[in-house]
Amino acid sequence: MLAHLSVRDFAIVEGLDLELHAGMTVLTGETGAGKSILIDALGLTLGERASTKVVRSGAERAEVVAVFELSQDSDASRYLAEQDLASADDECILRRIIGSDGRSRAHVNGRPVPLQTLRELGDLLVDIHGQHEHQSLLKGAVQRRILDEYAGHGEALARVAALHDQWQTTRAALEQLAGGPEQRLQRLDYLRYQLDELDSLDIQSGEIETLDREHRRLSHASELLGNCARSVDDIDGDGEMALTTRLAAVLGALEEMAVIDPGVENIRSLLDGAGIQLSEAAAELRHYRDTIDIDPARLQSMNERLTAIHDTARKHQVEARELPALRRSLGDEIAQLEGASLRLTELESALQECLQSYAEAAGELHQSRVRAAETLSEAISANVRALGMPQGQLHIGIEANFDAPPSRTGADSVAFQVAVNPGQPMLPLAKVASGGELSRISLAIQVIATQTSGVPTLIFDEVDAGIGGRVAEIVGRELRALANNRQVLCVTHLPQVASLAQQHVQVQKHSKRRKTHTDLRSLSGEGRVEEIARMLGGVTITDQALAHAREMLERT
């Protein structure tokens, strides 16, 4: 449930803190005092969009913090755990900041999150019903959603939606494959021509790297032979400057020194090893020299081979080393196109199976909707009659069109139809003439719909507008009954509703130094009596209004 709401520099609110409890809480106050502003501020923490207009004049930013207490087995707790946002104390803190520069930041339990996360989490925490909710109830999609939520169609809808998506994907693949047989044949001819060209080139694995190495060696054969000859002569030639000759002289000197001082023996040993390595290096160079051939014919053949390979690579706009991979890719595409007929048959079969499965799922959903519509119609009709329309009746009509293309919501169109007076035919909800009647019907629908909602906090923002007297008391008792197993927060102008709440908060607006501020006051005792009396009698609170207020509170 919502335990605490803190608002800073939002609209005309400089700073407010609201502590809330379980059960039913009402917010009352003069028109324009800022009751609905609190609901708007809460909406920010639930992911609603906002502009810089919500920032109080002269402030740098608006900030709203909502603290929720959660049960461990709630949907919100599971969502927080899945998103790695859970806290250790079964608490959820939502924070939203709107800067005067338009920048928005959102946090859950102290961690920054995208706005979408707030929306998804908010849907699990709070359900807000506004005073203009009846406008959205006129839409068929909203009426269908209310019926599905009442019937608990979550899994059935998910299956229908998944089959619709599968049908859509399969159909797109089928259209793409079957859409151009002539283009497919042209593509096949072109691919086969390219493949024949690569096959005739017949590049072997690792051939290009081998050719590159051998080509460099053959093209520089004379240079390599000359360098070999000079290197062998410098290391182990007949002249006095050869390294082996000079090293032998040094070793002779060291042997004479070792006779006098054995300490140089290690140095002599190192140089003796170097002499052995020089001799081995000279032998390796002679062997390498013997492997070098000057073969103009072979070099010419390699030039022609490399030229053919690189010309083909440029033609296909790839690197020479990528040609073998290109050949495999061409072969795969040819095989895929050649198997198009078989693939078409498979896709057509898959499409029919998908349509059959969709029809079965949509049919089951339709039957369940018909059954749920009957019980929901009866429940709403009873509520409509209790709200001051004794002859009122609501019927939920369902029409299925199984010949239409699949839809993510099934084959049904759902329409709420009402008759408010005897002898009147059932008419669509949108054609109800009286605004007051539409408001009461909307309230009747909302009250019944929320009874099956798993959301722990329900907020009603002046949904009781346009009613009064005995009906107002009935509405209050309906809201209080809802609060038996969840938290209900209600913004109201009706004393009958306010008197039935377990917590009463008064919203006051006052001006100071040419600035308007909104404050909250938790009411009890005589303070609550006076507020109920104000709601009953207006500006002047009479003794009769006070007595009536006390009587109303005592009856609860």
Protein backbone atom coordinates (compact mmCIF):
# COMPACT_ATOMS: atom_id res chain seq x y z
CA MET A 1 0.00 0.00 0.00
CA LEU A 2 0.99 3.67 -0.33
CA ALA A 3 2.45 4.64 3.04
CA HIS A 4 3.94 8.08 2.41
CA LEU A 5 3.83 10.75 -0.29
CA SER A 6 6.30 13.65 -0.28
CA VAL A 7 5.88 16.51 -2.76
CA ARG A 8 8.30 19.40 -3.26
CA ASP A 9 7.87 22.41 -5.57
CA PHE A 10 5.13 20.82 -7.67
CA ALA A 11 2.59 23.23 -9.24
CA ILE A 12 1.36 25.38 -6.31
CA VAL A 13 2.70 22.93 -3.72
CA GLU A 14 5.87 24.16 -2.03
CA GLY A 15 6.24 21.20 0.29
CA LEU A 16 3.83 18.51 1.50
CA ASP A 17 4.16 15.23 3.33
CA LEU A 18 1.20 12.86 3.51
CA GLU A 19 1.14 9.78 5.75
CA LEU A 20 -1.39 7.18 4.66
CA HIS A 21 -2.84 4.07 6.26
CA ALA A 22 -4.69 0.97 5.15
CA GLY A 23 -8.42 1.17 4.55
CA MET A 24 -10.26 4.14 3.07
CA THR A 25 -8.77 7.63 3.06
CA VAL A 26 -10.52 10.72 1.72
CA LEU A 27 -9.01 14.03 0.62
CA THR A 28 -11.39 16.97 0.87
CA GLY A 29 -11.12 20.72 0.56
CA GLU A 30 -12.36 23.74 -1.33
CA THR A 31 -12.45 23.61 -5.12
CA GLY A 32 -8.99 24.51 -6.43
CA ALA A 33 -7.24 23.78 -3.13
CA GLY A 34 -4.98 21.22 -4.79
CA LYS A 35 -6.58 17.84 -4.07
CA SER A 36 -6.16 16.54 -7.60
CA ILE A 37 -2.66 18.05 -7.76
CA LEU A 38 -1.58 15.42 -5.23
CA ILE A 39 -2.92 12.69 -7.50
CA ASP A 40 -1.09 14.25 -10.45
CA ALA A 41 2.11 14.35 -8.40
CA LEU A 42 1.72 10.69 -7.49
CA GLY A 43 1.19 9.96 -11.18
CA LEU A 44 4.72 11.24 -11.85
CA THR A 45 6.20 8.53 -9.62
CA LEU A 46 4.13 5.99 -11.56
CA GLY A 47 5.75 6.93 -14.85
CA GLU A 48 3.41 9.54 -16.30
CA ARG A 49 4.94 12.11 -18.63
CA ALA A 50 5.50 15.63 -17.35
CA SER A 51 6.62 19.01 -18.62
CA THR A 52 8.45 21.89 -17.00
CA LYS A 53 5.03 23.44 -16.25
CA VAL A 54 4.74 21.21 -13.17
CA VAL A 55 7.76 22.92 -11.57
CA ARG A 56 6.63 25.57 -9.09
CA SER A 57 7.37 29.10 -10.23
CA GLY A 58 10.83 30.17 -9.07
CA ALA A 59 11.98 26.63 -8.21
CA GLU A 60 14.77 24.73 -9.94
CA ARG A 61 13.01 21.38 -9.89
CA ALA A 62 9.93 19.47 -8.75
CA GLU A 63 10.44 16.31 -6.71
CA VAL A 64 7.93 13.64 -5.70
CA VAL A 65 8.69 10.61 -3.52
CA ALA A 66 6.19 7.78 -2.94
CA VAL A 67 6.88 5.07 -0.37
CA PHE A 68 5.00 1.77 -0.68
CA GLU A 69 4.84 -1.09 1.80
CA LEU A 70 4.77 -4.44 -0.02
CA SER A 71 3.90 -7.99 0.88
CA GLN A 72 6.54 -10.52 -0.10
CA ASP A 73 4.19 -12.46 -2.38
CA SER A 74 2.89 -9.42 -4.29
CA ASP A 75 3.34 -8.92 -8.03
CA ALA A 76 5.30 -5.74 -7.32
CA SER A 77 7.76 -7.60 -5.03
CA ARG A 78 8.32 -10.23 -7.70
CA TYR A 79 8.87 -7.55 -10.33
CA LEU A 80 11.42 -5.74 -8.14
CA ALA A 81 13.28 -9.01 -7.55
CA GLU A 82 13.35 -9.80 -11.29
CA GLN A 83 14.74 -6.32 -12.04
CA ASP A 84 17.27 -6.53 -9.17
CA LEU A 85 15.62 -3.50 -7.52
CA ALA A 86 14.30 -5.06 -4.31
CA SER A 87 15.10 -3.62 -0.90
CA ALA A 88 15.77 -5.58 2.28
CA ASP A 89 12.76 -4.25 4.22
CA ASP A 90 9.77 -5.00 1.91
CA GLU A 91 9.62 -1.35 0.96
CA CYS A 92 9.49 0.31 -2.43
CA ILE A 93 10.54 3.95 -2.79
CA LEU A 94 9.72 5.68 -6.06
CA ARG A 95 11.34 9.04 -6.73
CA ARG A 96 10.81 11.36 -9.68
CA ILE A 97 12.56 14.66 -10.35
CA ILE A 98 11.54 17.14 -13.06
CA GLY A 99 14.01 19.97 -13.64
CA SER A 100 13.08 23.43 -14.83
CA ASP A 101 15.33 22.68 -17.80
CA GLY A 102 13.03 19.81 -18.80
CA ARG A 103 15.32 16.99 -17.69
CA SER A 104 13.62 14.11 -15.88
CA ARG A 105 15.14 11.52 -13.55
CA ALA A 106 13.53 8.44 -12.03
CA HIS A 107 14.70 6.19 -9.18
CA VAL A 108 13.44 2.98 -7.59
CA ASN A 109 14.88 2.19 -4.16
CA GLY A 110 17.68 4.68 -4.79
CA ARG A 111 18.70 3.28 -8.18
CA PRO A 112 18.21 5.22 -11.42
CA VAL A 113 15.76 3.55 -13.81
CA PRO A 114 14.18 4.37 -17.19
CA LEU A 115 10.67 5.79 -17.24
CA GLN A 116 9.30 2.54 -18.65
CA THR A 117 10.32 0.74 -15.46
CA LEU A 118 8.27 3.21 -13.40
CA ARG A 119 5.27 2.61 -15.65
CA GLU A 120 5.52 -1.18 -15.43
CA LEU A 121 5.99 -1.05 -11.65
CA GLY A 122 3.29 1.59 -11.22
CA ASP A 123 0.73 -0.65 -12.95
CA LEU A 124 1.35 -3.20 -10.19
CA LEU A 125 1.12 -0.70 -7.32
CA VAL A 126 -1.66 1.80 -8.02
CA ASP A 127 -4.83 1.95 -10.12
CA ILE A 128 -6.07 5.54 -10.64
CA HIS A 129 -9.67 6.23 -11.66
CA GLY A 130 -10.16 9.84 -12.69
CA GLN A 131 -13.27 12.00 -12.75
CA HIS A 132 -13.29 11.76 -16.56
CA GLU A 133 -12.90 7.98 -16.59
CA HIS A 134 -16.31 7.62 -18.23
CA GLN A 135 -14.89 9.16 -21.41
CA SER A 136 -12.43 6.30 -21.87
CA LEU A 137 -15.16 3.77 -20.96
CA LEU A 138 -16.92 4.74 -24.18
CA LYS A 139 -14.17 3.05 -26.20
CA GLY A 140 -14.67 -0.55 -27.26
CA ALA A 141 -11.06 -1.48 -26.51
CA VAL A 142 -11.44 -0.27 -22.91
CA GLN A 143 -14.71 -2.18 -22.49
CA ARG A 144 -13.05 -5.36 -23.79
CA ARG A 145 -10.13 -4.85 -21.39
CA ILE A 146 -12.51 -4.46 -18.42
CA LEU A 147 -14.28 -7.70 -19.34
CA ASP A 148 -10.99 -9.58 -19.78
CA GLU A 149 -9.58 -8.31 -16.47
CA TYR A 150 -12.80 -9.27 -14.69
CA ALA A 151 -12.65 -12.78 -16.19
CA GLY A 152 -8.91 -13.21 -15.60
CA HIS A 153 -8.11 -13.83 -19.26
CA GLY A 154 -4.38 -13.06 -18.96
CA GLU A 155 -3.12 -16.49 -20.09
CA ALA A 156 -5.76 -16.89 -22.80
CA LEU A 157 -4.97 -13.45 -24.21
CA ALA A 158 -1.24 -14.20 -24.14
CA ARG A 159 -1.81 -17.41 -26.13
CA VAL A 160 -3.99 -15.65 -28.70
CA ALA A 161 -1.44 -12.84 -29.05
CA ALA A 162 1.43 -15.32 -29.48
CA LEU A 163 -0.46 -17.22 -32.20
CA HIS A 164 -1.28 -13.93 -33.94
CA ASP A 165 2.41 -12.99 -33.93
CA GLN A 166 3.36 -16.45 -35.22
CA TRP A 167 0.77 -16.16 -38.00
CA GLN A 168 2.05 -12.71 -38.94
CA THR A 169 5.69 -13.88 -39.08
CA THR A 170 4.83 -16.99 -41.12
CA ARG A 171 2.68 -15.01 -43.53
CA ALA A 172 5.44 -12.45 -44.08
CA ALA A 173 7.97 -15.21 -44.82
CA LEU A 174 5.51 -16.87 -47.22
CA GLU A 175 4.80 -13.62 -49.06
CA GLN A 176 8.50 -12.87 -49.38
CA LEU A 177 9.25 -16.33 -50.79
CA ALA A 178 6.24 -16.58 -53.07
CA GLY A 179 6.23 -12.97 -54.17
CA GLY A 180 8.66 -13.12 -57.11
CA PRO A 181 9.27 -16.41 -58.96
CA GLU A 182 10.75 -14.60 -61.96
CA GLN A 183 13.12 -12.59 -59.77
CA ARG A 184 14.06 -15.79 -57.96
CA LEU A 185 15.00 -17.52 -61.24
CA GLN A 186 17.02 -14.50 -62.36
CA ARG A 187 18.82 -14.50 -59.04
CA LEU A 188 19.54 -18.21 -59.37
CA ASP A 189 21.07 -17.75 -62.83
CA TYR A 190 23.27 -14.92 -61.59
CA LEU A 191 24.41 -16.85 -58.52
CA ARG A 192 25.22 -19.95 -60.56
CA TYR A 193 27.31 -17.86 -62.96
CA GLN A 194 29.27 -16.42 -60.03
CA LEU A 195 29.69 -19.87 -58.49
CA ASP A 196 30.96 -21.36 -61.78
CA GLU A 197 33.53 -18.58 -61.99
CA LEU A 198 34.79 -19.31 -58.48
CA ASP A 199 34.75 -23.05 -59.10
CA SER A 200 36.88 -22.62 -62.21
CA LEU A 201 39.34 -20.59 -60.16
CA ASP A 202 39.41 -23.48 -57.64
CA ILE A 203 41.14 -21.72 -54.78
CA GLN A 204 42.47 -24.25 -52.28
CA SER A 205 42.53 -23.77 -48.54
CA GLY A 206 45.59 -21.69 -47.57
CA GLU A 207 46.63 -21.31 -51.20
CA ILE A 208 46.65 -17.51 -51.24
CA GLU A 209 48.94 -17.26 -48.21
CA THR A 210 51.32 -19.88 -49.69
CA LEU A 211 51.38 -18.11 -53.07
CA ASP A 212 52.13 -14.76 -51.41
CA ARG A 213 55.10 -16.19 -49.50
CA GLU A 214 56.57 -18.08 -52.49
CA HIS A 215 56.04 -15.12 -54.82
CA ARG A 216 57.96 -12.79 -52.53
CA ARG A 217 60.81 -15.31 -52.32
CA LEU A 218 61.06 -15.91 -56.08
CA SER A 219 60.78 -12.24 -56.97
CA HIS A 220 63.69 -11.46 -54.59
CA ALA A 221 65.79 -14.58 -55.29
CA SER A 222 68.88 -12.70 -56.57
CA GLU A 223 68.85 -10.40 -53.57
CA LEU A 224 68.46 -13.31 -51.16
CA LEU A 225 71.41 -15.24 -52.79
CA GLY A 226 73.68 -12.20 -52.62
CA ASN A 227 72.88 -11.56 -48.97
CA CYS A 228 73.47 -15.23 -48.15
CA ALA A 229 76.89 -15.25 -49.79
CA ARG A 230 78.04 -12.12 -48.00
CA SER A 231 76.69 -13.34 -44.66
CA VAL A 232 78.46 -16.74 -44.95
CA ASP A 233 81.72 -15.04 -45.89
CA ASP A 234 81.42 -12.59 -42.98
CA ILE A 235 80.79 -15.39 -40.52
CA ASP A 236 83.03 -18.21 -41.70
CA GLY A 237 85.05 -17.00 -44.68
CA ASP A 238 88.75 -17.41 -45.44
CA GLY A 239 89.69 -13.84 -44.61
CA GLU A 240 91.15 -12.62 -41.32
CA MET A 241 87.99 -10.48 -40.71
CA ALA A 242 85.63 -13.47 -40.59
CA LEU A 243 83.86 -13.73 -37.26
CA THR A 244 84.97 -17.32 -36.60
CA THR A 245 88.63 -16.40 -37.27
CA ARG A 246 88.54 -13.36 -35.01
CA LEU A 247 86.72 -15.31 -32.29
CA ALA A 248 89.35 -18.06 -32.43
CA ALA A 249 92.04 -15.41 -31.75
CA VAL A 250 90.11 -14.14 -28.73
CA LEU A 251 89.69 -17.66 -27.38
CA GLY A 252 93.45 -18.26 -27.69
CA ALA A 253 94.15 -15.16 -25.64
CA LEU A 254 91.66 -16.22 -22.99
CA GLU A 255 93.24 -19.67 -22.69
CA GLU A 256 96.59 -18.01 -21.91
CA MET A 257 94.87 -15.78 -19.31
CA ALA A 258 93.16 -18.81 -17.71
CA VAL A 259 96.57 -20.33 -17.00
CA ILE A 260 97.39 -17.27 -14.91
CA ASP A 261 93.85 -16.60 -13.50
CA PRO A 262 91.23 -19.37 -13.60
CA GLY A 263 88.57 -16.68 -13.00
CA VAL A 264 88.30 -16.00 -16.75
CA GLU A 265 87.41 -19.62 -17.52
CA ASN A 266 83.68 -18.83 -17.48
CA ILE A 267 84.15 -16.06 -20.04
CA ARG A 268 86.17 -18.38 -22.26
CA SER A 269 83.41 -21.02 -21.99
CA LEU A 270 80.73 -18.53 -23.07
CA LEU A 271 82.72 -17.45 -26.11
CA ASP A 272 83.45 -21.07 -26.99
CA GLY A 273 79.67 -21.67 -27.11
CA ALA A 274 79.24 -18.58 -29.29
CA GLY A 275 81.78 -20.02 -31.70
CA ILE A 276 79.78 -23.22 -32.01
CA GLN A 277 76.60 -21.22 -32.71
CA LEU A 278 78.38 -19.14 -35.37
CA SER A 279 79.48 -22.29 -37.14
CA GLU A 280 75.93 -23.69 -36.99
CA ALA A 281 74.48 -20.42 -38.32
CA ALA A 282 76.90 -20.46 -41.23
CA ALA A 283 75.89 -24.05 -42.04
CA GLU A 284 72.18 -23.12 -41.95
CA LEU A 285 72.82 -20.18 -44.27
CA ARG A 286 74.60 -22.45 -46.78
CA HIS A 287 71.66 -24.86 -46.65
CA TYR A 288 69.16 -21.99 -47.12
CA ARG A 289 71.22 -20.70 -50.08
CA ASP A 290 70.96 -24.09 -51.74
CA THR A 291 67.14 -23.97 -51.56
CA ILE A 292 66.87 -20.65 -53.43
CA ASP A 293 66.06 -21.05 -57.12
CA ILE A 294 65.90 -18.38 -59.78
CA ASP A 295 62.97 -19.73 -61.81
CA PRO A 296 61.48 -17.11 -64.18
CA ALA A 297 58.89 -19.57 -65.53
CA ARG A 298 57.59 -20.38 -62.07
CA LEU A 299 57.51 -16.69 -61.15
CA GLN A 300 55.51 -15.92 -64.30
CA SER A 301 53.04 -18.69 -63.49
CA MET A 302 52.58 -17.37 -59.96
CA ASN A 303 52.07 -13.82 -61.22
CA GLU A 304 49.30 -15.01 -63.52
CA ARG A 305 47.64 -17.02 -60.73
CA LEU A 306 47.71 -14.13 -58.24
CA THR A 307 46.45 -11.69 -60.86
CA ALA A 308 43.46 -13.94 -61.63
CA ILE A 309 42.66 -14.27 -57.93
CA HIS A 310 42.89 -10.55 -57.17
CA ASP A 311 40.94 -9.58 -60.31
CA THR A 312 38.11 -11.91 -59.19
CA ALA A 313 38.20 -10.48 -55.67
CA ARG A 314 37.90 -6.92 -57.00
CA LYS A 315 35.00 -7.99 -59.19
CA HIS A 316 33.13 -9.34 -56.16
CA GLN A 317 34.26 -6.41 -53.99
CA VAL A 318 35.87 -8.61 -51.35
CA GLU A 319 39.38 -9.31 -50.13
CA ALA A 320 41.19 -12.15 -51.91
CA ARG A 321 41.24 -14.20 -48.67
CA GLU A 322 37.42 -13.89 -48.48
CA LEU A 323 36.80 -15.67 -51.80
CA PRO A 324 36.47 -19.19 -50.30
CA ALA A 325 33.88 -17.87 -47.79
CA LEU A 326 32.06 -16.11 -50.62
CA ARG A 327 31.91 -19.38 -52.54
CA ARG A 328 30.29 -21.12 -49.57
CA SER A 329 27.81 -18.27 -49.16
CA LEU A 330 26.80 -18.45 -52.83
CA GLY A 331 26.31 -22.19 -52.53
CA ASP A 332 24.10 -21.76 -49.46
CA GLU A 333 21.91 -19.15 -51.15
CA ILE A 334 21.57 -21.29 -54.27
CA ALA A 335 20.52 -24.25 -52.15
CA GLN A 336 17.99 -22.09 -50.32
CA LEU A 337 16.49 -20.77 -53.57
CA GLU A 338 16.47 -24.20 -55.17
CA GLY A 339 14.59 -25.47 -52.11
CA ALA A 340 12.07 -22.61 -52.31
CA SER A 341 9.28 -24.86 -53.56
CA LEU A 342 9.72 -27.21 -50.62
CA ARG A 343 9.97 -24.25 -48.25
CA LEU A 344 6.79 -22.75 -49.73
CA THR A 345 4.93 -25.96 -49.05
CA GLU A 346 6.25 -26.04 -45.49
CA LEU A 347 5.26 -22.42 -44.86
CA GLU A 348 1.78 -22.89 -46.30
CA SER A 349 1.28 -25.90 -44.04
CA ALA A 350 2.63 -23.98 -41.03
CA LEU A 351 0.32 -21.07 -41.81
CA GLN A 352 -2.75 -23.31 -41.91
CA GLU A 353 -1.76 -24.99 -38.64
CA CYS A 354 -1.24 -21.58 -37.05
CA LEU A 355 -4.65 -20.34 -38.27
CA GLN A 356 -6.31 -23.47 -36.93
CA SER A 357 -4.62 -23.09 -33.53
CA TYR A 358 -5.55 -19.39 -33.47
CA ALA A 359 -9.18 -20.19 -34.30
CA GLU A 360 -9.32 -22.71 -31.45
CA ALA A 361 -7.72 -20.28 -28.96
CA ALA A 362 -9.90 -17.38 -30.12
CA GLY A 363 -12.98 -19.62 -29.91
CA GLU A 364 -12.17 -20.65 -26.34
CA LEU A 365 -11.59 -16.99 -25.44
CA HIS A 366 -14.91 -16.06 -27.05
CA GLN A 367 -16.82 -18.66 -25.04
CA SER A 368 -15.16 -17.52 -21.81
CA ARG A 369 -15.98 -13.90 -22.64
CA VAL A 370 -19.63 -14.79 -23.22
CA ARG A 371 -19.84 -16.51 -19.83
CA ALA A 372 -18.01 -13.68 -18.04
CA ALA A 373 -20.12 -11.04 -19.81
CA GLU A 374 -23.28 -12.53 -18.34
CA THR A 375 -22.09 -12.39 -14.72
CA LEU A 376 -20.39 -9.00 -15.15
CA SER A 377 -23.54 -7.55 -16.76
CA GLU A 378 -25.62 -8.70 -13.79
CA ALA A 379 -23.15 -7.30 -11.27
CA ILE A 380 -22.90 -3.90 -12.96
CA SER A 381 -26.69 -3.73 -13.48
CA ALA A 382 -27.22 -4.30 -9.77
CA ASN A 383 -24.76 -1.56 -8.99
CA VAL A 384 -26.39 0.81 -11.49
CA ARG A 385 -29.75 0.27 -9.81
CA ALA A 386 -28.20 0.86 -6.39
CA LEU A 387 -26.82 4.16 -7.65
CA GLY A 388 -30.23 5.74 -8.14
CA MET A 389 -31.41 4.25 -11.45
CA PRO A 390 -33.90 1.58 -10.28
CA GLN A 391 -34.75 0.50 -13.84
CA GLY A 392 -31.17 0.67 -15.08
CA GLN A 393 -29.75 -2.31 -16.88
CA LEU A 394 -26.41 -2.96 -18.56
CA HIS A 395 -25.76 -5.66 -21.12
CA ILE A 396 -22.36 -6.60 -22.51
CA GLY A 397 -22.73 -7.57 -26.16
CA ILE A 398 -20.08 -9.71 -27.81
CA GLU A 399 -19.82 -10.26 -31.55
CA ALA A 400 -17.23 -12.61 -33.00
CA ASN A 401 -15.87 -12.38 -36.54
CA PHE A 402 -13.84 -15.51 -37.11
CA ASP A 403 -13.52 -14.71 -40.82
CA ALA A 404 -11.48 -11.60 -40.11
CA PRO A 405 -7.67 -11.78 -40.07
CA PRO A 406 -6.22 -12.77 -36.68
CA SER A 407 -5.95 -10.09 -34.02
CA ARG A 408 -3.82 -9.98 -30.86
CA THR A 409 -7.01 -9.60 -28.78
CA GLY A 410 -9.07 -12.32 -30.44
CA ALA A 411 -12.04 -12.30 -32.79
CA ASP A 412 -14.49 -10.41 -30.54
CA SER A 413 -15.79 -6.89 -30.46
CA VAL A 414 -17.20 -5.98 -27.03
CA ALA A 415 -19.88 -3.32 -26.51
CA PHE A 416 -21.43 -2.12 -23.27
CA GLN A 417 -25.13 -1.38 -23.85
CA VAL A 418 -27.46 0.27 -21.35
CA ALA A 419 -31.11 1.08 -20.82
CA VAL A 420 -31.85 3.48 -17.98
CA ASN A 421 -35.64 3.80 -18.26
CA PRO A 422 -38.47 1.27 -18.75
CA GLY A 423 -39.36 0.61 -22.38
CA GLN A 424 -36.09 1.99 -23.71
CA PRO A 425 -34.06 -0.23 -26.02
CA MET A 426 -30.51 -1.18 -25.17
CA LEU A 427 -28.20 1.48 -26.56
CA PRO A 428 -24.40 1.73 -26.71
CA LEU A 429 -22.91 3.40 -23.65
CA ALA A 430 -21.77 6.31 -25.80
CA LYS A 431 -25.40 7.20 -26.60
CA VAL A 432 -26.54 7.68 -22.99
CA ALA A 433 -28.13 11.13 -23.07
CA SER A 434 -27.58 12.36 -19.51
CA GLY A 435 -24.09 13.22 -18.30
CA GLY A 436 -25.16 12.43 -14.74
CA GLU A 437 -26.43 9.02 -15.79
CA LEU A 438 -23.22 8.29 -17.67
CA SER A 439 -21.19 9.34 -14.62
CA ARG A 440 -23.12 6.96 -12.33
CA ILE A 441 -22.93 4.09 -14.83
CA SER A 442 -19.21 4.70 -15.16
CA LEU A 443 -18.82 4.60 -11.38
CA ALA A 444 -20.84 1.38 -11.18
CA ILE A 445 -18.54 -0.21 -13.77
CA GLN A 446 -15.37 1.00 -12.05
CA VAL A 447 -16.42 -0.27 -8.64
CA ILE A 448 -17.21 -3.75 -9.96
CA ALA A 449 -14.08 -3.83 -12.17
CA THR A 450 -11.76 -2.95 -9.30
CA GLN A 451 -13.12 -5.77 -7.14
CA THR A 452 -11.15 -8.26 -9.24
CA SER A 453 -8.04 -6.12 -9.53
CA GLY A 454 -4.92 -7.37 -7.80
CA VAL A 455 -3.53 -3.85 -7.45
CA PRO A 456 -3.15 -3.02 -3.72
CA THR A 457 -3.96 0.70 -3.93
CA LEU A 458 -7.00 2.16 -5.68
CA ILE A 459 -7.41 5.90 -6.17
CA PHE A 460 -10.72 7.54 -7.10
CA ASP A 461 -10.31 11.16 -8.16
CA GLU A 462 -13.75 12.81 -7.92
CA VAL A 463 -15.43 9.88 -9.66
CA ASP A 464 -18.53 10.67 -7.56
CA ALA A 465 -19.12 14.00 -9.34
CA GLY A 466 -22.72 14.55 -10.37
CA ILE A 467 -24.36 12.45 -7.64
CA GLY A 468 -25.64 13.20 -4.15
CA GLY A 469 -28.10 12.33 -1.40
CA ARG A 470 -28.86 8.66 -0.81
CA VAL A 471 -26.85 7.61 -3.87
CA ALA A 472 -23.80 9.40 -2.51
CA GLU A 473 -23.99 7.35 0.68
CA ILE A 474 -24.29 4.16 -1.35
CA VAL A 475 -21.16 5.16 -3.29
CA GLY A 476 -19.34 5.79 -0.04
CA ARG A 477 -20.29 2.39 1.31
CA GLU A 478 -19.17 0.75 -1.95
CA LEU A 479 -15.78 2.42 -1.65
CA ARG A 480 -15.49 1.48 2.00
CA ALA A 481 -16.31 -2.13 1.15
CA LEU A 482 -13.50 -2.09 -1.43
CA ALA A 483 -11.17 -0.88 1.32
CA ASN A 484 -11.73 -4.03 3.37
CA ASN A 485 -8.98 -5.87 1.49
CA ARG A 486 -6.98 -3.06 -0.11
CA GLN A 487 -6.14 0.62 0.27
CA VAL A 488 -8.61 3.12 -1.19
CA LEU A 489 -7.77 6.80 -1.60
CA CYS A 490 -10.67 9.02 -2.66
CA VAL A 491 -10.75 12.69 -3.62
CA THR A 492 -14.34 13.83 -3.02
CA HIS A 493 -16.69 16.77 -2.51
CA LEU A 494 -19.42 14.60 -1.01
CA PRO A 495 -19.86 14.62 2.78
CA GLN A 496 -21.65 11.26 2.58
CA VAL A 497 -18.49 9.69 1.11
CA ALA A 498 -16.09 11.59 3.37
CA SER A 499 -17.94 10.54 6.54
CA LEU A 500 -17.39 6.85 5.75
CA ALA A 501 -13.59 7.06 5.50
CA GLN A 502 -11.23 5.72 8.15
CA GLN A 503 -8.72 8.51 7.49
CA HIS A 504 -9.63 12.09 6.56
CA VAL A 505 -7.14 14.58 5.11
CA GLN A 506 -8.08 18.18 4.43
CA VAL A 507 -6.32 20.07 1.63
CA GLN A 508 -6.09 23.81 2.19
CA LYS A 509 -4.88 26.59 -0.08
CA HIS A 510 -3.71 29.95 1.23
CA SER A 511 -1.76 32.92 -0.04
CA LYS A 512 1.29 34.48 1.58
CA ARG A 513 3.42 37.29 0.19
CA ARG A 514 1.66 37.06 -3.16
CA LYS A 515 2.39 33.35 -3.39
CA THR A 516 -0.15 30.53 -3.25
CA HIS A 517 0.56 27.46 -1.12
CA THR A 518 -1.21 24.20 -0.44
CA ASP A 519 -1.10 22.47 2.96
CA LEU A 520 -2.45 19.22 4.37
CA ARG A 521 -4.21 18.67 7.66
CA SER A 522 -5.09 15.26 9.09
CA LEU A 523 -8.55 15.56 10.64
CA SER A 524 -10.08 13.84 13.64
CA GLY A 525 -12.61 14.72 16.30
CA GLU A 526 -14.14 18.17 16.01
CA GLY A 527 -11.88 19.11 13.12
CA ARG A 528 -13.45 16.36 11.05
CA VAL A 529 -16.95 17.34 12.19
CA GLU A 530 -16.33 20.92 11.02
CA GLU A 531 -15.05 19.77 7.63
CA ILE A 532 -18.06 17.51 7.07
CA ALA A 533 -20.31 20.41 8.12
CA ARG A 534 -18.55 22.71 5.64
CA MET A 535 -19.14 20.19 2.90
CA LEU A 536 -22.80 20.01 3.90
CA GLY A 537 -23.53 23.70 4.34
CA GLY A 538 -21.00 25.74 2.44
CA VAL A 539 -19.11 28.77 3.75
CA THR A 540 -21.37 29.41 6.78
CA ILE A 541 -21.28 26.47 9.15
CA THR A 542 -24.49 26.35 11.15
CA ASP A 543 -25.27 24.42 14.33
CA GLN A 544 -27.66 22.31 12.26
CA ALA A 545 -24.85 21.43 9.82
CA LEU A 546 -22.55 20.51 12.71
CA ALA A 547 -25.23 18.30 14.26
CA HIS A 548 -25.86 16.63 10.92
CA ALA A 549 -22.11 16.07 10.48
CA ARG A 550 -21.84 14.43 13.90
CA GLU A 551 -24.77 12.19 13.09
CA MET A 552 -23.20 11.10 9.80
CA LEU A 553 -19.90 10.25 11.49
CA GLU A 554 -21.64 8.36 14.30
CA ARG A 555 -23.50 6.19 11.77
CA THR A 556 -20.23 4.86 10.34
